[in-house]
């Protein structure tokens, strides 16, 4: 059964212990543009999960992080999947926000980080998300691999 009965919701307007989330216990946080730009990918990854849109062009990182921490504190989630387009300076922040929540919430479920590049979904590790925060490390890696 497709769990699309929830309809469109964004993270900040969704109840931190909403009924659908308590029932399904699997969360998809996705960059708001994904639903319109990649409807097939959105449909695939929203199936069986409660999909909540986030746009860090519109919302502040701290608000998104606190809302997710509030959800994790109230609902025993089985997983959190983060799905964004690759290369967006705003979307990458969603991955960082989820990793920040994982640092402060003891009951963080497994997290899967996914990015869409050229119409394909690529899984990235939490380590890759962390390295993306440190431009000096990225620079060292570039020098090492382009020499």
Protein backbone atom coordinates (compact mmCIF):
# COMPACT_ATOMS: atom_id res chain seq x y z
CA UNK A 1 0.00 0.00 0.00
CA UNK A 2 1.36 3.40 -0.94
CA UNK A 3 1.60 5.73 2.07
CA UNK A 4 0.83 8.86 0.03
CA UNK A 5 -2.29 9.69 2.04
CA UNK A 6 -0.26 12.18 4.00
CA UNK A 7 -0.09 14.59 1.07
CA UNK A 8 2.40 17.43 0.87
CA UNK A 9 3.79 18.57 4.21
CA UNK A 10 6.85 20.49 5.18
CA UNK A 11 8.95 19.62 8.20
CA UNK A 12 8.33 22.77 10.18
CA UNK A 13 4.54 22.62 9.92
CA UNK A 14 4.28 18.91 10.76
CA UNK A 15 3.44 17.80 14.31
CA UNK A 16 6.61 16.47 15.99
CA UNK A 17 4.70 13.37 17.06
CA UNK A 18 2.24 13.24 14.18
CA UNK A 19 -0.03 10.25 13.75
CA UNK A 20 1.41 9.19 10.39
CA UNK A 21 4.94 9.27 11.74
CA UNK A 22 3.99 7.26 14.82
CA UNK A 23 2.39 4.67 12.55
CA UNK A 24 4.98 4.43 9.78
CA UNK A 25 8.11 5.27 11.84
CA UNK A 26 10.15 5.90 8.70
CA UNK A 27 10.94 9.48 7.73
CA UNK A 28 11.96 10.96 4.39
CA UNK A 29 13.39 14.47 4.63
CA UNK A 30 13.71 15.80 1.13
CA UNK A 31 14.76 19.02 -0.51
CA UNK A 32 11.51 20.76 -1.45
CA UNK A 33 12.44 20.95 -5.13
CA UNK A 34 12.92 17.17 -5.43
CA UNK A 35 9.17 16.48 -5.55
CA UNK A 36 8.69 18.64 -8.65
CA UNK A 37 12.05 18.19 -10.37
CA UNK A 38 12.29 14.40 -9.93
CA UNK A 39 8.74 13.09 -9.37
CA UNK A 40 9.65 9.44 -10.09
CA UNK A 41 12.50 9.48 -7.58
CA UNK A 42 10.32 11.25 -5.04
CA UNK A 43 7.56 8.65 -5.51
CA UNK A 44 10.01 5.78 -5.06
CA UNK A 45 11.59 7.10 -1.87
CA UNK A 46 8.41 8.45 -0.29
CA UNK A 47 6.69 5.08 -0.53
CA UNK A 48 6.48 3.57 2.94
CA UNK A 49 7.86 6.72 4.56
CA UNK A 50 6.43 9.96 5.85
CA UNK A 51 7.82 12.54 3.40
CA UNK A 52 8.52 15.99 4.80
CA UNK A 53 9.89 18.78 2.64
CA UNK A 54 12.67 21.11 3.73
CA UNK A 55 14.03 24.17 1.96
CA UNK A 56 17.04 25.68 3.64
CA UNK A 57 16.74 28.66 1.36
CA UNK A 58 13.54 29.44 3.25
CA UNK A 59 14.07 27.93 6.72
CA UNK A 60 16.97 28.41 9.10
CA UNK A 61 19.30 25.51 9.77
CA UNK A 62 18.71 25.76 13.54
CA UNK A 63 14.93 25.57 13.17
CA UNK A 64 15.22 22.47 10.98
CA UNK A 65 17.66 20.83 13.39
CA UNK A 66 15.53 21.52 16.46
CA UNK A 67 12.39 20.24 14.75
CA UNK A 68 14.11 17.01 13.73
CA UNK A 69 15.55 16.58 17.23
CA UNK A 70 12.03 17.07 18.62
CA UNK A 71 10.69 14.37 16.31
CA UNK A 72 13.46 11.92 17.18
CA UNK A 73 12.89 12.55 20.90
CA UNK A 74 9.17 11.78 20.61
CA UNK A 75 8.88 9.03 17.99
CA UNK A 76 10.89 5.80 17.86
CA UNK A 77 11.87 6.08 14.23
CA UNK A 78 13.25 3.10 12.37
CA UNK A 79 15.10 5.24 9.83
CA UNK A 80 15.68 8.72 8.49
CA UNK A 81 16.35 9.11 4.78
CA UNK A 82 17.65 12.44 3.48
CA UNK A 83 17.12 13.05 -0.26
CA UNK A 84 18.37 16.18 -1.99
CA UNK A 85 19.79 17.35 -5.27
CA UNK A 86 23.57 17.29 -5.39
CA UNK A 87 25.49 20.51 -5.75
CA UNK A 88 22.99 22.81 -4.08
CA UNK A 89 24.57 24.92 -1.33
CA UNK A 90 21.20 24.95 0.42
CA UNK A 91 20.40 21.25 0.11
CA UNK A 92 23.78 20.14 1.46
CA UNK A 93 22.86 21.90 4.70
CA UNK A 94 20.00 19.43 5.22
CA UNK A 95 22.52 16.59 5.36
CA UNK A 96 24.61 18.60 7.83
CA UNK A 97 21.54 19.36 9.98
CA UNK A 98 20.68 15.67 10.26
CA UNK A 99 24.24 14.82 11.28
CA UNK A 100 24.15 17.56 13.92
CA UNK A 101 20.98 16.06 15.35
CA UNK A 102 22.66 12.65 15.43
CA UNK A 103 25.39 14.15 17.63
CA UNK A 104 22.97 15.48 20.25
CA UNK A 105 20.14 12.94 20.30
CA UNK A 106 20.92 9.59 21.91
CA UNK A 107 18.09 7.74 20.16
CA UNK A 108 18.94 8.67 16.56
CA UNK A 109 17.82 5.94 14.15
CA UNK A 110 19.96 4.86 11.19
CA UNK A 111 20.36 7.66 8.63
CA UNK A 112 20.72 7.26 4.89
CA UNK A 113 22.04 10.24 2.89
CA UNK A 114 21.01 10.32 -0.78
CA UNK A 115 21.75 12.89 -3.47
CA UNK A 116 20.42 13.13 -7.00
CA UNK A 117 23.05 13.74 -9.65
CA UNK A 118 22.15 13.68 -13.36
CA UNK A 119 18.84 11.97 -12.56
CA UNK A 120 20.45 9.16 -10.54
CA UNK A 121 20.34 8.59 -6.80
CA UNK A 122 23.72 8.21 -5.12
CA UNK A 123 24.14 7.24 -1.48
CA UNK A 124 26.79 9.18 0.41
CA UNK A 125 28.25 8.26 3.75
CA UNK A 126 27.99 10.32 6.91
CA UNK A 127 31.77 10.67 6.62
CA UNK A 128 31.36 12.35 3.21
CA UNK A 129 28.79 14.72 4.73
CA UNK A 130 31.24 15.58 7.50
CA UNK A 131 34.16 16.16 5.12
CA UNK A 132 31.97 18.46 3.01
CA UNK A 133 31.85 20.83 6.00
CA UNK A 134 35.61 21.28 6.06
CA UNK A 135 36.89 23.10 3.01
CA UNK A 136 40.49 22.68 4.16
CA UNK A 137 40.08 18.88 4.12
CA UNK A 138 38.43 19.02 0.71
CA UNK A 139 41.33 21.13 -0.54
CA UNK A 140 43.88 18.61 0.78
CA UNK A 141 41.99 15.77 -0.90
CA UNK A 142 41.88 17.66 -4.19
CA UNK A 143 45.60 18.33 -4.08
CA UNK A 144 46.31 14.69 -3.29
CA UNK A 145 44.15 13.32 -6.12
CA UNK A 146 44.87 15.89 -8.80
CA UNK A 147 48.65 15.81 -8.44
